[in-house]
Every structure is written in structure tokens, then in C-alpha cells.
Amino acid sequence: QVQLVESGGGMVQAGGSLRLSCAASGLTFSDYSLGWFRQAPGQDRKFVASISWSGADAYYADPVKGRFTFSRDNAKNLAYLEMNSLKLEDTAVYYCGASRKFTSWKNDYDYWGQGTQVTVSS
């Protein structure tokens, strides 16, 4: 069965950094573009970033542009979200998704991980 598993979340001071990982199994990894979404308590799930099949292209939501970097290693079935200069508003559960399209629309994603908590403190 297809599995996406996020890791690397935790607590960090504002201005600090974290790197999230997404490990995939049960699919042909390079056939899928990937996305990161996040959801804070009481809020809607929001697009964070997406990356193309080969990793040649990435797209970021405005609030994280210039601070977050999405990368992937197809040989290892792994993807990463490097988060720098973290802000309180980045606090959320972060979800990794896989889609056959390079897209920011969550309905286009076929598979999802269970999420990892990121908490940014002042």
C-alpha cells in the first residue's frame, strides 16, 4: 500500500530552522509531484509548496517564499522541506502529499501522510 510518512517536526524558537522529511513507499516516486500543506487549529488546510517530478521546479506560497526550500531525492524516495527564519504563524501540522500533477490544489493530491507538528515559539 502507498505510504507517505512525515518526520522532523518539533518545537523551535522564532527565527530558527527545521527540516521536515517525507518518506514514500508503494508508488513509483518519480511519477508523482509532491506538495506540502499545513493546518493550524481551527483553520483550513493551506498550500505551502510543491515540487515537480524531477525536482527541477518548485512553487511556494507567498508566506513562505524565500524562507522555505523544497527538495527531493528520487533515488531514496525522500523529499525535504527546509524551513528557515521560522515565524509564529508557521505553527501547524504539516502534511506531505503526492500528485500526478504539479499543482497547489489539494484535491489533485492522491495520497497524504499523517502529518508532523511544527510549533514555533516566541
Protein backbone atom coordinates (compact mmCIF):
# COMPACT_ATOMS: atom_id res chain seq x y z
CA GLN A 1 0.00 0.00 0.00
CA VAL A 2 1.06 3.57 -0.56
CA GLN A 3 2.51 5.33 2.43
CA LEU A 4 3.84 8.82 2.96
CA VAL A 5 5.41 9.45 6.34
CA GLU A 6 6.45 12.88 7.56
CA SER A 7 9.11 13.42 10.19
CA GLY A 8 11.28 16.17 11.57
CA GLY A 9 8.67 18.28 13.27
CA GLY A 10 9.13 19.70 16.72
CA MET A 11 9.42 22.90 18.70
CA VAL A 12 11.68 25.72 17.62
CA GLN A 13 12.23 29.35 18.56
CA ALA A 14 11.10 32.05 16.18
CA GLY A 15 13.89 32.77 13.75
CA GLY A 16 15.15 29.22 13.92
CA SER A 17 15.14 26.40 11.40
CA LEU A 18 13.73 22.92 10.93
CA ARG A 19 13.93 20.36 8.16
CA LEU A 20 10.95 18.12 7.52
CA SER A 21 11.22 14.84 5.66
CA CYS A 22 8.66 12.89 3.66
CA ALA A 23 9.38 9.23 3.02
CA ALA A 24 7.32 7.47 0.35
CA SER A 25 6.72 3.81 -0.37
CA GLY A 26 4.36 1.75 -2.50
CA LEU A 27 4.50 4.05 -5.52
CA THR A 28 6.81 5.00 -8.35
CA PHE A 29 8.19 8.06 -6.68
CA SER A 30 9.34 9.93 -9.79
CA ASP A 31 5.87 9.64 -11.36
CA TYR A 32 4.49 11.98 -8.71
CA SER A 33 4.94 15.60 -7.96
CA LEU A 34 4.84 16.39 -4.27
CA GLY A 35 3.34 19.03 -2.06
CA TRP A 36 3.48 20.32 1.48
CA PHE A 37 0.35 21.66 3.14
CA ARG A 38 -0.23 22.86 6.67
CA GLN A 39 -3.15 23.24 9.01
CA ALA A 40 -3.31 25.19 12.25
CA PRO A 41 -6.01 24.51 14.87
CA GLY A 42 -9.33 25.98 13.81
CA GLN A 43 -8.02 26.90 10.37
CA ASP A 44 -8.24 25.48 6.88
CA ARG A 45 -5.51 23.38 5.35
CA LYS A 46 -3.28 25.66 3.29
CA PHE A 47 -0.83 25.13 0.46
CA VAL A 48 2.82 25.60 1.37
CA ALA A 49 4.95 24.34 -1.52
CA SER A 50 5.03 21.91 -4.43
CA ILE A 51 7.82 20.31 -6.44
CA SER A 52 7.88 18.75 -9.89
CA TRP A 53 8.56 15.11 -10.68
CA SER A 54 12.30 15.52 -11.11
CA GLY A 55 12.71 18.33 -8.62
CA ALA A 56 13.68 20.78 -11.35
CA ASP A 57 10.87 23.17 -10.46
CA ALA A 58 9.31 24.22 -7.20
CA TYR A 59 6.49 26.59 -6.34
CA TYR A 60 5.90 28.29 -3.00
CA ALA A 61 3.05 30.06 -1.31
CA ASP A 62 3.76 33.73 -0.72
CA PRO A 63 4.00 33.48 3.09
CA VAL A 64 6.93 31.05 2.87
CA LYS A 65 8.65 32.22 -0.30
CA GLY A 66 12.30 32.97 0.36
CA ARG A 67 12.26 31.13 3.69
CA PHE A 68 11.36 27.53 2.78
CA THR A 69 13.08 25.25 0.27
CA PHE A 70 11.51 22.11 -1.18
CA SER A 71 13.83 19.38 -2.49
CA ARG A 72 13.59 15.70 -3.35
CA ASP A 73 15.87 12.71 -3.77
CA ASN A 74 14.17 10.28 -6.13
CA ALA A 75 16.82 7.62 -5.59
CA LYS A 76 15.84 7.47 -1.92
CA ASN A 77 12.10 8.15 -2.24
CA LEU A 78 12.57 11.13 0.04
CA ALA A 79 11.53 14.74 -0.03
CA TYR A 80 12.52 17.56 2.27
CA LEU A 81 11.19 20.90 3.36
CA GLU A 82 13.88 23.12 4.80
CA MET A 83 12.28 25.86 6.86
CA ASN A 84 14.33 28.88 7.84
CA SER A 85 13.55 32.13 9.65
CA LEU A 86 10.52 30.50 11.22
CA LYS A 87 7.67 32.65 12.43
CA LEU A 88 4.87 32.07 14.93
CA GLU A 89 2.41 31.87 12.04
CA ASP A 90 4.27 28.82 10.71
CA THR A 91 2.95 26.78 13.64
CA ALA A 92 0.81 23.99 12.20
CA VAL A 93 0.59 20.33 11.37
CA TYR A 94 2.50 19.83 8.13
CA TYR A 95 1.29 17.24 5.62
CA CYS A 96 3.09 15.71 2.67
CA GLY A 97 1.06 14.80 -0.41
CA ALA A 98 1.69 13.13 -3.78
CA SER A 99 0.02 14.09 -7.05
CA ARG A 100 0.38 13.16 -10.69
CA LYS A 101 0.09 16.89 -11.41
CA PHE A 102 2.42 19.69 -10.43
CA THR A 103 -0.21 21.64 -8.54
CA SER A 104 -1.16 23.66 -5.49
CA TRP A 105 -4.76 22.42 -5.44
CA LYS A 106 -5.21 19.90 -2.65
CA ASN A 107 -7.94 17.97 -4.49
CA ASP A 108 -5.35 16.92 -7.08
CA TYR A 109 -3.35 15.02 -4.48
CA ASP A 110 -3.84 11.27 -4.46
CA TYR A 111 -2.00 10.35 -1.29
CA TRP A 112 -1.31 12.01 2.03
CA GLY A 113 0.82 11.44 5.06
CA GLN A 114 -0.50 11.71 8.59
CA GLY A 115 1.31 14.94 9.38
CA THR A 116 4.01 16.21 11.69
CA GLN A 117 3.61 19.01 14.21
CA VAL A 118 5.71 22.15 13.94
CA THR A 119 5.49 24.59 16.83
CA VAL A 120 7.26 27.94 16.71
CA SER A 121 7.61 29.78 19.99
CA SER A 122 8.50 33.38 20.77
